Amino acid sequence: MKMTKSDRIDRIVERLAEMPAVEKVEPLAEGICDRISVIQRRLMLRHKRSLGRHGISWRDWQVLTNLLLGGDTPRSPSDLASTLMVTTGAMTNVLDRLEEAGLTRRVRNPADRRSVIVEATDDGVALWYAAVNELGAQEAGVVSVLTAAEQRQLNSLLRKVLAGFGDGDNWDEETA
């Protein structure tokens, strides 16, 4: 495997390790966590720029994604707010914006006519597919510096690190 040259994070970790009062920092762990954090921030910035070109915000994207990947269960505004960890007032604002753009609609819940559910419109679905393909291409471009075997290995290792939080698939609370 070809080694990459030292980077900014290596230099920061080295300086940190030289500080006498820093006792609990493990350099390898620090380097890994700092790199994951930088990768996440850089991906998020790219994604937000791409979504902006599609005329939606990150929160709009999260709503559309939850509607399209959330299974067959109808999604109420309060359910979406809870899932995305925002207030119902904030969710109302997002849903108003998405509805005004023609990307979602609120309809009466057939199981309980006193409530409404949110659905993606055909335009919302089309926009989501266009955006998810663009974001996917960006992500593939970023990891293309790794071979397919390295990508599988990294994915496996990151899955293992994520499992180290000990709460199974319940990681949404910490991503708000």
N, C-alpha and C. Protein backbone atom coordinates (compact mmCIF):
# COMPACT_ATOMS: atom_id res chain seq x y z
N MET A 1 0.84 -1.18 0.00
CA MET A 1 0.00 0.00 0.00
C MET A 1 0.88 1.24 0.00
N LYS A 2 0.58 2.16 -0.88
CA LYS A 2 1.35 3.39 -1.00
C LYS A 2 1.03 4.33 0.18
N MET A 3 2.06 4.78 0.85
CA MET A 3 1.90 5.69 1.98
C MET A 3 1.79 7.12 1.47
N THR A 4 0.90 7.87 2.06
CA THR A 4 0.78 9.28 1.71
C THR A 4 1.72 10.08 2.60
N LYS A 5 2.04 11.25 2.12
CA LYS A 5 2.95 12.08 2.90
C LYS A 5 2.24 12.65 4.13
N SER A 6 3.02 13.13 5.03
CA SER A 6 2.52 13.75 6.26
C SER A 6 1.60 14.92 5.89
N ASP A 7 0.58 15.13 6.70
CA ASP A 7 -0.36 16.21 6.42
C ASP A 7 -0.51 17.13 7.64
N ARG A 8 -1.39 18.09 7.50
CA ARG A 8 -1.61 19.09 8.56
C ARG A 8 -2.04 18.44 9.87
N ILE A 9 -2.88 17.42 9.78
CA ILE A 9 -3.34 16.76 11.01
C ILE A 9 -2.18 16.07 11.71
N ASP A 10 -1.28 15.45 10.95
CA ASP A 10 -0.08 14.85 11.56
C ASP A 10 0.70 15.89 12.35
N ARG A 11 0.87 17.06 11.75
CA ARG A 11 1.65 18.12 12.42
C ARG A 11 0.95 18.61 13.68
N ILE A 12 -0.37 18.73 13.64
CA ILE A 12 -1.12 19.16 14.83
C ILE A 12 -1.02 18.11 15.93
N VAL A 13 -1.18 16.85 15.57
CA VAL A 13 -1.11 15.77 16.55
C VAL A 13 0.29 15.69 17.16
N GLU A 14 1.32 15.89 16.34
CA GLU A 14 2.69 15.88 16.87
C GLU A 14 2.88 16.99 17.89
N ARG A 15 2.41 18.20 17.57
CA ARG A 15 2.54 19.32 18.52
C ARG A 15 1.76 19.04 19.79
N LEU A 16 0.58 18.47 19.64
CA LEU A 16 -0.26 18.14 20.79
C LEU A 16 0.45 17.13 21.69
N ALA A 17 1.07 16.13 21.10
CA ALA A 17 1.77 15.09 21.86
C ALA A 17 2.98 15.64 22.61
N GLU A 18 3.53 16.75 22.14
CA GLU A 18 4.71 17.35 22.78
C GLU A 18 4.34 18.20 23.99
N MET A 19 3.07 18.49 24.18
CA MET A 19 2.64 19.34 25.29
C MET A 19 2.60 18.51 26.57
N PRO A 20 3.36 18.91 27.59
CA PRO A 20 3.47 18.11 28.81
C PRO A 20 2.13 17.95 29.55
N ALA A 21 1.25 18.91 29.48
CA ALA A 21 -0.01 18.83 30.21
C ALA A 21 -1.06 17.96 29.50
N VAL A 22 -0.77 17.57 28.27
CA VAL A 22 -1.70 16.71 27.53
C VAL A 22 -1.32 15.26 27.80
N GLU A 23 -2.15 14.58 28.60
CA GLU A 23 -1.83 13.23 29.02
C GLU A 23 -2.78 12.17 28.45
N LYS A 24 -3.99 12.55 28.13
CA LYS A 24 -5.02 11.57 27.76
C LYS A 24 -5.27 11.47 26.26
N VAL A 25 -4.48 12.14 25.46
CA VAL A 25 -4.69 12.12 24.01
C VAL A 25 -3.82 11.02 23.40
N GLU A 26 -4.48 10.09 22.73
CA GLU A 26 -3.80 9.02 22.01
C GLU A 26 -3.59 9.51 20.58
N PRO A 27 -2.35 9.70 20.13
CA PRO A 27 -2.10 10.29 18.80
C PRO A 27 -2.81 9.57 17.65
N LEU A 28 -2.82 8.25 17.64
CA LEU A 28 -3.49 7.54 16.55
C LEU A 28 -4.99 7.83 16.55
N ALA A 29 -5.60 7.77 17.73
CA ALA A 29 -7.04 8.05 17.83
C ALA A 29 -7.34 9.48 17.42
N GLU A 30 -6.50 10.40 17.86
CA GLU A 30 -6.70 11.81 17.52
C GLU A 30 -6.63 12.02 16.01
N GLY A 31 -5.64 11.41 15.38
CA GLY A 31 -5.51 11.53 13.93
C GLY A 31 -6.71 10.97 13.19
N ILE A 32 -7.17 9.81 13.62
CA ILE A 32 -8.34 9.18 12.98
C ILE A 32 -9.57 10.08 13.14
N CYS A 33 -9.85 10.48 14.36
CA CYS A 33 -11.06 11.28 14.62
C CYS A 33 -10.99 12.64 13.94
N ASP A 34 -9.83 13.27 13.95
CA ASP A 34 -9.70 14.56 13.26
C ASP A 34 -9.92 14.41 11.76
N ARG A 35 -9.38 13.35 11.18
CA ARG A 35 -9.57 13.15 9.73
C ARG A 35 -11.04 12.87 9.40
N ILE A 36 -11.70 12.04 10.21
CA ILE A 36 -13.13 11.79 9.98
C ILE A 36 -13.90 13.09 10.07
N SER A 37 -13.57 13.92 11.05
CA SER A 37 -14.26 15.20 11.22
C SER A 37 -14.05 16.13 10.03
N VAL A 38 -12.83 16.22 9.55
CA VAL A 38 -12.53 17.08 8.39
C VAL A 38 -13.23 16.55 7.14
N ILE A 39 -13.20 15.24 6.94
CA ILE A 39 -13.88 14.65 5.78
C ILE A 39 -15.37 14.96 5.85
N GLN A 40 -15.97 14.79 7.01
CA GLN A 40 -17.40 15.06 7.17
C GLN A 40 -17.72 16.52 6.85
N ARG A 41 -16.93 17.44 7.38
CA ARG A 41 -17.19 18.87 7.12
C ARG A 41 -17.04 19.20 5.64
N ARG A 42 -16.01 18.66 5.01
CA ARG A 42 -15.79 18.96 3.59
C ARG A 42 -16.90 18.35 2.72
N LEU A 43 -17.32 17.13 3.03
CA LEU A 43 -18.44 16.54 2.29
C LEU A 43 -19.71 17.35 2.49
N MET A 44 -19.96 17.77 3.73
CA MET A 44 -21.17 18.54 4.02
C MET A 44 -21.17 19.85 3.23
N LEU A 45 -20.05 20.54 3.16
CA LEU A 45 -19.97 21.78 2.39
C LEU A 45 -20.24 21.53 0.91
N ARG A 46 -19.65 20.48 0.36
CA ARG A 46 -19.89 20.14 -1.05
C ARG A 46 -21.36 19.80 -1.27
N HIS A 47 -21.92 19.01 -0.36
CA HIS A 47 -23.32 18.61 -0.50
C HIS A 47 -24.24 19.83 -0.43
N LYS A 48 -23.98 20.71 0.51
CA LYS A 48 -24.84 21.89 0.64
C LYS A 48 -24.77 22.77 -0.61
N ARG A 49 -23.57 22.90 -1.19
CA ARG A 49 -23.45 23.68 -2.43
C ARG A 49 -24.25 23.01 -3.55
N SER A 50 -24.12 21.70 -3.66
CA SER A 50 -24.86 20.97 -4.70
C SER A 50 -26.36 21.10 -4.49
N LEU A 51 -26.80 20.92 -3.28
CA LEU A 51 -28.24 21.02 -3.00
C LEU A 51 -28.74 22.43 -3.28
N GLY A 52 -27.92 23.43 -2.98
CA GLY A 52 -28.28 24.81 -3.29
C GLY A 52 -28.49 25.02 -4.78
N ARG A 53 -27.68 24.36 -5.60
CA ARG A 53 -27.88 24.45 -7.05
C ARG A 53 -29.21 23.81 -7.46
N HIS A 54 -29.69 22.88 -6.65
CA HIS A 54 -31.00 22.26 -6.92
C HIS A 54 -32.14 23.06 -6.27
N GLY A 55 -31.78 24.13 -5.58
CA GLY A 55 -32.78 25.00 -4.97
C GLY A 55 -33.32 24.53 -3.64
N ILE A 56 -32.59 23.63 -2.98
CA ILE A 56 -33.05 23.17 -1.67
C ILE A 56 -31.93 23.27 -0.64
N SER A 57 -32.33 23.28 0.61
CA SER A 57 -31.38 23.33 1.72
C SER A 57 -31.09 21.91 2.22
N TRP A 58 -30.13 21.82 3.13
CA TRP A 58 -29.81 20.53 3.73
C TRP A 58 -31.02 19.96 4.45
N ARG A 59 -31.75 20.80 5.18
CA ARG A 59 -32.94 20.34 5.91
C ARG A 59 -34.01 19.87 4.93
N ASP A 60 -34.20 20.60 3.82
CA ASP A 60 -35.15 20.15 2.78
C ASP A 60 -34.76 18.76 2.30
N TRP A 61 -33.48 18.58 2.06
CA TRP A 61 -32.94 17.30 1.59
C TRP A 61 -33.25 16.19 2.59
N GLN A 62 -33.06 16.49 3.88
CA GLN A 62 -33.33 15.48 4.91
C GLN A 62 -34.81 15.07 4.89
N VAL A 63 -35.70 16.03 4.72
CA VAL A 63 -37.13 15.71 4.67
C VAL A 63 -37.43 14.83 3.47
N LEU A 64 -36.96 15.23 2.29
CA LEU A 64 -37.21 14.43 1.09
C LEU A 64 -36.61 13.02 1.24
N THR A 65 -35.42 12.94 1.79
CA THR A 65 -34.78 11.63 1.98
C THR A 65 -35.60 10.77 2.92
N ASN A 66 -36.08 11.35 4.01
CA ASN A 66 -36.92 10.58 4.94
C ASN A 66 -38.21 10.13 4.30
N LEU A 67 -38.78 10.95 3.46
CA LEU A 67 -40.01 10.57 2.77
C LEU A 67 -39.76 9.43 1.78
N LEU A 68 -38.64 9.49 1.09
CA LEU A 68 -38.37 8.50 0.04
C LEU A 68 -37.72 7.22 0.55
N LEU A 69 -36.98 7.30 1.64
CA LEU A 69 -36.30 6.11 2.15
C LEU A 69 -36.90 5.61 3.46
N GLY A 70 -37.94 6.25 3.92
CA GLY A 70 -38.52 5.91 5.22
C GLY A 70 -39.43 4.71 5.23
N GLY A 71 -39.53 3.99 4.14
CA GLY A 71 -40.40 2.82 4.10
C GLY A 71 -41.82 3.19 3.72
N ASP A 72 -42.72 2.26 3.96
CA ASP A 72 -44.11 2.44 3.54
C ASP A 72 -44.96 3.15 4.59
N THR A 73 -44.40 3.46 5.73
CA THR A 73 -45.16 4.11 6.79
C THR A 73 -45.39 5.58 6.44
N PRO A 74 -46.65 6.02 6.43
CA PRO A 74 -46.91 7.45 6.17
C PRO A 74 -46.22 8.31 7.22
N ARG A 75 -45.72 9.46 6.79
CA ARG A 75 -44.97 10.34 7.69
C ARG A 75 -45.77 11.59 8.00
N SER A 76 -46.04 11.81 9.26
CA SER A 76 -46.73 13.03 9.69
C SER A 76 -45.68 14.12 9.90
N PRO A 77 -46.11 15.38 9.89
CA PRO A 77 -45.16 16.46 10.18
C PRO A 77 -44.47 16.28 11.54
N SER A 78 -45.21 15.86 12.55
CA SER A 78 -44.58 15.69 13.87
C SER A 78 -43.61 14.52 13.88
N ASP A 79 -43.90 13.47 13.13
CA ASP A 79 -42.98 12.34 13.00
C ASP A 79 -41.68 12.79 12.33
N LEU A 80 -41.80 13.56 11.26
CA LEU A 80 -40.60 14.08 10.59
C LEU A 80 -39.80 14.98 11.52
N ALA A 81 -40.49 15.84 12.26
CA ALA A 81 -39.80 16.73 13.21
C ALA A 81 -39.03 15.93 14.24
N SER A 82 -39.65 14.88 14.76
CA SER A 82 -39.00 14.04 15.76
C SER A 82 -37.79 13.33 15.16
N THR A 83 -37.95 12.76 13.98
CA THR A 83 -36.86 12.05 13.31
C THR A 83 -35.68 12.97 13.04
N LEU A 84 -35.97 14.20 12.60
CA LEU A 84 -34.91 15.14 12.24
C LEU A 84 -34.48 16.01 13.41
N MET A 85 -35.10 15.78 14.56
CA MET A 85 -34.77 16.49 15.80
C MET A 85 -34.86 18.01 15.66
N VAL A 86 -35.99 18.45 15.14
CA VAL A 86 -36.29 19.87 15.07
C VAL A 86 -37.64 20.09 15.72
N THR A 87 -37.94 21.31 16.05
CA THR A 87 -39.24 21.61 16.63
C THR A 87 -40.32 21.46 15.56
N THR A 88 -41.54 21.29 16.01
CA THR A 88 -42.65 21.20 15.05
C THR A 88 -42.81 22.51 14.30
N GLY A 89 -42.51 23.62 14.95
CA GLY A 89 -42.56 24.92 14.27
C GLY A 89 -41.54 25.01 13.14
N ALA A 90 -40.32 24.54 13.42
CA ALA A 90 -39.29 24.54 12.38
C ALA A 90 -39.68 23.60 11.24
N MET A 91 -40.28 22.47 11.57
CA MET A 91 -40.71 21.54 10.53
C MET A 91 -41.81 22.16 9.69
N THR A 92 -42.71 22.88 10.32
CA THR A 92 -43.77 23.56 9.56
C THR A 92 -43.16 24.50 8.54
N ASN A 93 -42.14 25.24 8.93
CA ASN A 93 -41.48 26.16 8.00
C ASN A 93 -40.86 25.42 6.83
N VAL A 94 -40.19 24.30 7.11
CA VAL A 94 -39.57 23.52 6.04
C VAL A 94 -40.64 22.96 5.12
N LEU A 95 -41.70 22.40 5.69
CA LEU A 95 -42.77 21.83 4.87
C LEU A 95 -43.49 22.89 4.05
N ASP A 96 -43.67 24.07 4.63
CA ASP A 96 -44.28 25.17 3.86
C ASP A 96 -43.42 25.50 2.65
N ARG A 97 -42.11 25.60 2.87
CA ARG A 97 -41.17 25.93 1.78
C ARG A 97 -41.18 24.84 0.70
N LEU A 98 -41.15 23.57 1.13
CA LEU A 98 -41.16 22.46 0.17
C LEU A 98 -42.48 22.39 -0.59
N GLU A 99 -43.56 22.67 0.10
CA GLU A 99 -44.87 22.64 -0.55
C GLU A 99 -45.00 23.79 -1.55
N GLU A 100 -44.52 24.96 -1.16
CA GLU A 100 -44.55 26.11 -2.07
C GLU A 100 -43.71 25.85 -3.32
N ALA A 101 -42.63 25.10 -3.17
CA ALA A 101 -41.77 24.77 -4.31
C ALA A 101 -42.34 23.61 -5.13
N GLY A 102 -43.43 23.03 -4.66
CA GLY A 102 -44.06 21.93 -5.38
C GLY A 102 -43.37 20.59 -5.20
N LEU A 103 -42.58 20.45 -4.13
CA LEU A 103 -41.81 19.23 -3.91
C LEU A 103 -42.49 18.25 -2.96
N THR A 104 -43.36 18.76 -2.10
CA THR A 104 -44.13 17.91 -1.19
C THR A 104 -45.56 18.42 -1.15
N ARG A 105 -46.41 17.59 -0.55
CA ARG A 105 -47.79 18.02 -0.28
C ARG A 105 -48.23 17.35 1.02
N ARG A 106 -49.15 18.02 1.69
CA ARG A 106 -49.77 17.46 2.89
C ARG A 106 -51.15 16.98 2.49
N VAL A 107 -51.45 15.75 2.86
CA VAL A 107 -52.76 15.17 2.54
C VAL A 107 -53.36 14.56 3.81
N ARG A 108 -54.66 14.43 3.81
CA ARG A 108 -55.33 13.80 4.95
C ARG A 108 -54.83 12.37 5.10
N ASN A 109 -54.61 11.98 6.32
CA ASN A 109 -54.18 10.63 6.63
C ASN A 109 -55.39 9.70 6.47
N PRO A 110 -55.33 8.75 5.54
CA PRO A 110 -56.49 7.88 5.34
C PRO A 110 -56.81 7.03 6.57
N ALA A 111 -55.82 6.78 7.42
CA ALA A 111 -56.03 5.98 8.63
C ALA A 111 -56.62 6.82 9.77
N ASP A 112 -56.48 8.13 9.70
CA ASP A 112 -56.98 9.03 10.75
C ASP A 112 -57.24 10.39 10.12
N ARG A 113 -58.46 10.63 9.72
CA ARG A 113 -58.80 11.84 8.97
C ARG A 113 -58.57 13.13 9.76
N ARG A 114 -58.26 13.02 11.05
CA ARG A 114 -57.98 14.23 11.85
C ARG A 114 -56.54 14.72 11.64
N SER A 115 -55.70 13.89 11.04
CA SER A 115 -54.29 14.25 10.87
C SER A 115 -53.90 14.27 9.40
N VAL A 116 -52.71 14.80 9.16
CA VAL A 116 -52.19 14.85 7.79
C VAL A 116 -50.89 14.07 7.72
N ILE A 117 -50.57 13.65 6.51
CA ILE A 117 -49.28 13.03 6.24
C ILE A 117 -48.62 13.84 5.13
N VAL A 118 -47.32 13.69 5.02
CA VAL A 118 -46.55 14.41 4.03
C VAL A 118 -46.11 13.43 2.95
N GLU A 119 -46.26 13.83 1.72
CA GLU A 119 -45.84 13.02 0.58
C GLU A 119 -44.95 13.85 -0.33
N ALA A 120 -43.99 13.20 -0.96
CA ALA A 120 -43.20 13.86 -1.99
C ALA A 120 -44.02 13.87 -3.28
N THR A 121 -43.98 14.98 -3.99
CA THR A 121 -44.64 15.05 -5.29
C THR A 121 -43.74 14.43 -6.35
N ASP A 122 -44.26 14.29 -7.55
CA ASP A 122 -43.42 13.79 -8.65
C ASP A 122 -42.20 14.68 -8.86
N ASP A 123 -42.40 16.01 -8.75
CA ASP A 123 -41.26 16.94 -8.88
C ASP A 123 -40.26 16.75 -7.74
N GLY A 124 -40.77 16.50 -6.54
CA GLY A 124 -39.88 16.26 -5.39
C GLY A 124 -39.07 14.99 -5.58
N VAL A 125 -39.72 13.94 -6.07
CA VAL A 125 -39.02 12.68 -6.32
C VAL A 125 -37.95 12.88 -7.40
N ALA A 126 -38.30 13.57 -8.48
CA ALA A 126 -37.34 13.81 -9.57
C ALA A 126 -36.15 14.62 -9.08
N LEU A 127 -36.40 15.66 -8.29
CA LEU A 127 -35.31 16.47 -7.75
C LEU A 127 -34.43 15.62 -6.84
N TRP A 128 -35.05 14.80 -6.01
CA TRP A 128 -34.29 13.96 -5.09
C TRP A 128 -33.37 13.03 -5.86
N TYR A 129 -33.90 12.38 -6.91
CA TYR A 129 -33.07 11.47 -7.71
C TYR A 129 -31.90 12.22 -8.37
N ALA A 130 -32.17 13.39 -8.89
CA ALA A 130 -31.09 14.17 -9.51
C ALA A 130 -30.03 14.52 -8.48
N ALA A 131 -30.47 14.96 -7.31
CA ALA A 131 -29.53 15.36 -6.26
C ALA A 131 -28.77 14.16 -5.70
N VAL A 132 -29.46 13.04 -5.44
CA VAL A 132 -28.78 11.89 -4.86
C VAL A 132 -27.73 11.35 -5.81
N ASN A 133 -28.00 11.41 -7.11
CA ASN A 133 -27.00 10.96 -8.08
C ASN A 133 -25.80 11.90 -8.11
N GLU A 134 -26.04 13.19 -8.00
CA GLU A 134 -24.93 14.16 -7.97
C GLU A 134 -24.10 13.98 -6.70
N LEU A 135 -24.76 13.84 -5.56
CA LEU A 135 -24.03 13.66 -4.30
C LEU A 135 -23.27 12.33 -4.31
N GLY A 136 -23.90 11.30 -4.86
CA GLY A 136 -23.23 10.00 -4.95
C GLY A 136 -21.98 10.07 -5.81
N ALA A 137 -22.05 10.81 -6.91
CA ALA A 137 -20.88 10.96 -7.78
C ALA A 137 -19.77 11.71 -7.06
N GLN A 138 -20.13 12.72 -6.26
CA GLN A 138 -19.12 13.44 -5.48
C GLN A 138 -18.43 12.51 -4.50
N GLU A 139 -19.23 11.72 -3.79
CA GLU A 139 -18.67 10.80 -2.80
C GLU A 139 -17.77 9.76 -3.47
N ALA A 140 -18.23 9.22 -4.60
CA ALA A 140 -17.41 8.25 -5.33
C ALA A 140 -16.10 8.87 -5.78
N GLY A 141 -16.15 10.14 -6.18
CA GLY A 141 -14.93 10.84 -6.58
C GLY A 141 -13.95 10.99 -5.43
N VAL A 142 -14.47 11.29 -4.26
CA VAL A 142 -13.61 11.46 -3.09
C VAL A 142 -12.91 10.15 -2.74
N VAL A 143 -13.64 9.04 -2.73
CA VAL A 143 -13.04 7.77 -2.32
C VAL A 143 -12.34 7.05 -3.46
N SER A 144 -12.36 7.62 -4.66
CA SER A 144 -11.70 6.97 -5.80
C SER A 144 -10.19 6.91 -5.64
N VAL A 145 -9.65 7.61 -4.67
CA VAL A 145 -8.20 7.50 -4.40
C VAL A 145 -7.86 6.14 -3.79
N LEU A 146 -8.89 5.40 -3.36
CA LEU A 146 -8.71 4.07 -2.79
C LEU A 146 -9.12 3.02 -3.81
N THR A 147 -8.48 1.87 -3.75
CA THR A 147 -8.90 0.75 -4.59
C THR A 147 -10.24 0.24 -4.06
N ALA A 148 -10.91 -0.61 -4.84
CA ALA A 148 -12.17 -1.19 -4.39
C ALA A 148 -11.96 -1.99 -3.10
N ALA A 149 -10.86 -2.72 -3.02
CA ALA A 149 -10.56 -3.50 -1.81
C ALA A 149 -10.35 -2.57 -0.61
N GLU A 150 -9.65 -1.46 -0.82
CA GLU A 150 -9.42 -0.50 0.26
C GLU A 150 -10.75 0.14 0.70
N GLN A 151 -11.61 0.42 -0.26
CA GLN A 151 -12.92 0.99 0.08
C GLN A 151 -13.72 0.02 0.94
N ARG A 152 -13.72 -1.27 0.57
CA ARG A 152 -14.43 -2.28 1.37
C ARG A 152 -13.83 -2.37 2.77
N GLN A 153 -12.50 -2.34 2.84
CA GLN A 153 -11.82 -2.43 4.13
C GLN A 153 -12.14 -1.21 5.00
N LEU A 154 -12.08 -0.02 4.41
CA LEU A 154 -12.38 1.20 5.17
C LEU A 154 -13.83 1.19 5.65
N ASN A 155 -14.73 0.78 4.77
CA ASN A 155 -16.14 0.72 5.15
C ASN A 155 -16.34 -0.24 6.33
N SER A 156 -15.67 -1.38 6.28
CA SER A 156 -15.76 -2.36 7.36
C SER A 156 -15.19 -1.80 8.67
N LEU A 157 -14.06 -1.14 8.57
CA LEU A 157 -13.43 -0.56 9.76
C LEU A 157 -14.28 0.56 10.36
N LEU A 158 -14.84 1.41 9.51
CA LEU A 158 -15.68 2.48 10.01
C LEU A 158 -16.97 1.93 10.64
N ARG A 159 -17.52 0.87 10.07
CA ARG A 159 -18.69 0.21 10.66
C ARG A 159 -18.34 -0.27 12.06
N LYS A 160 -17.14 -0.83 12.20
CA LYS A 160 -16.68 -1.33 13.50
C LYS A 160 -16.52 -0.19 14.51
N VAL A 161 -15.95 0.92 14.05
CA VAL A 161 -15.80 2.09 14.94
C VAL A 161 -17.17 2.61 15.36
N LEU A 162 -18.09 2.70 14.41
CA LEU A 162 -19.44 3.17 14.72
C LEU A 162 -20.11 2.24 15.73
N ALA A 163 -19.91 0.94 15.60
CA ALA A 163 -20.47 -0.02 16.56
C ALA A 163 -19.86 0.17 17.95
N GLY A 164 -18.68 0.77 18.01
CA GLY A 164 -18.03 1.03 19.29
C GLY A 164 -18.80 1.98 20.18
N PHE A 165 -19.77 2.70 19.61
CA PHE A 165 -20.61 3.56 20.44
C PHE A 165 -21.58 2.73 21.26
N GLY A 166 -21.76 1.45 20.89
CA GLY A 166 -22.54 0.54 21.70
C GLY A 166 -24.04 0.70 21.66
N ASP A 167 -24.56 1.48 20.73
CA ASP A 167 -26.01 1.67 20.69
C ASP A 167 -26.62 1.20 19.38
N GLY A 168 -25.99 0.22 18.75
CA GLY A 168 -26.52 -0.37 17.53
C GLY A 168 -26.73 0.66 16.44
N ASP A 169 -27.90 0.59 15.84
CA ASP A 169 -28.24 1.52 14.76
C ASP A 169 -28.84 2.82 15.26
N ASN A 170 -28.91 3.01 16.54
CA ASN A 170 -29.54 4.20 17.12
C ASN A 170 -28.52 5.33 17.24
N TRP A 171 -28.10 5.89 16.10
CA TRP A 171 -27.09 6.95 16.12
C TRP A 171 -27.67 8.29 15.71
N ASP A 172 -28.94 8.36 15.37
CA ASP A 172 -29.52 9.61 14.90
C ASP A 172 -29.50 10.72 15.95
N GLU A 173 -29.66 10.38 17.22
CA GLU A 173 -29.72 11.43 18.24
C GLU A 173 -28.47 12.29 18.27
N GLU A 174 -27.35 11.70 17.89
CA GLU A 174 -26.09 12.42 17.99
C GLU A 174 -25.70 13.12 16.69
N THR A 175 -26.58 13.14 15.69
CA THR A 175 -26.21 13.75 14.41
C THR A 175 -26.93 15.05 14.15
N ALA A 176 -27.65 15.54 15.13
CA ALA A 176 -28.42 16.77 14.90
C ALA A 176 -27.52 17.96 14.73
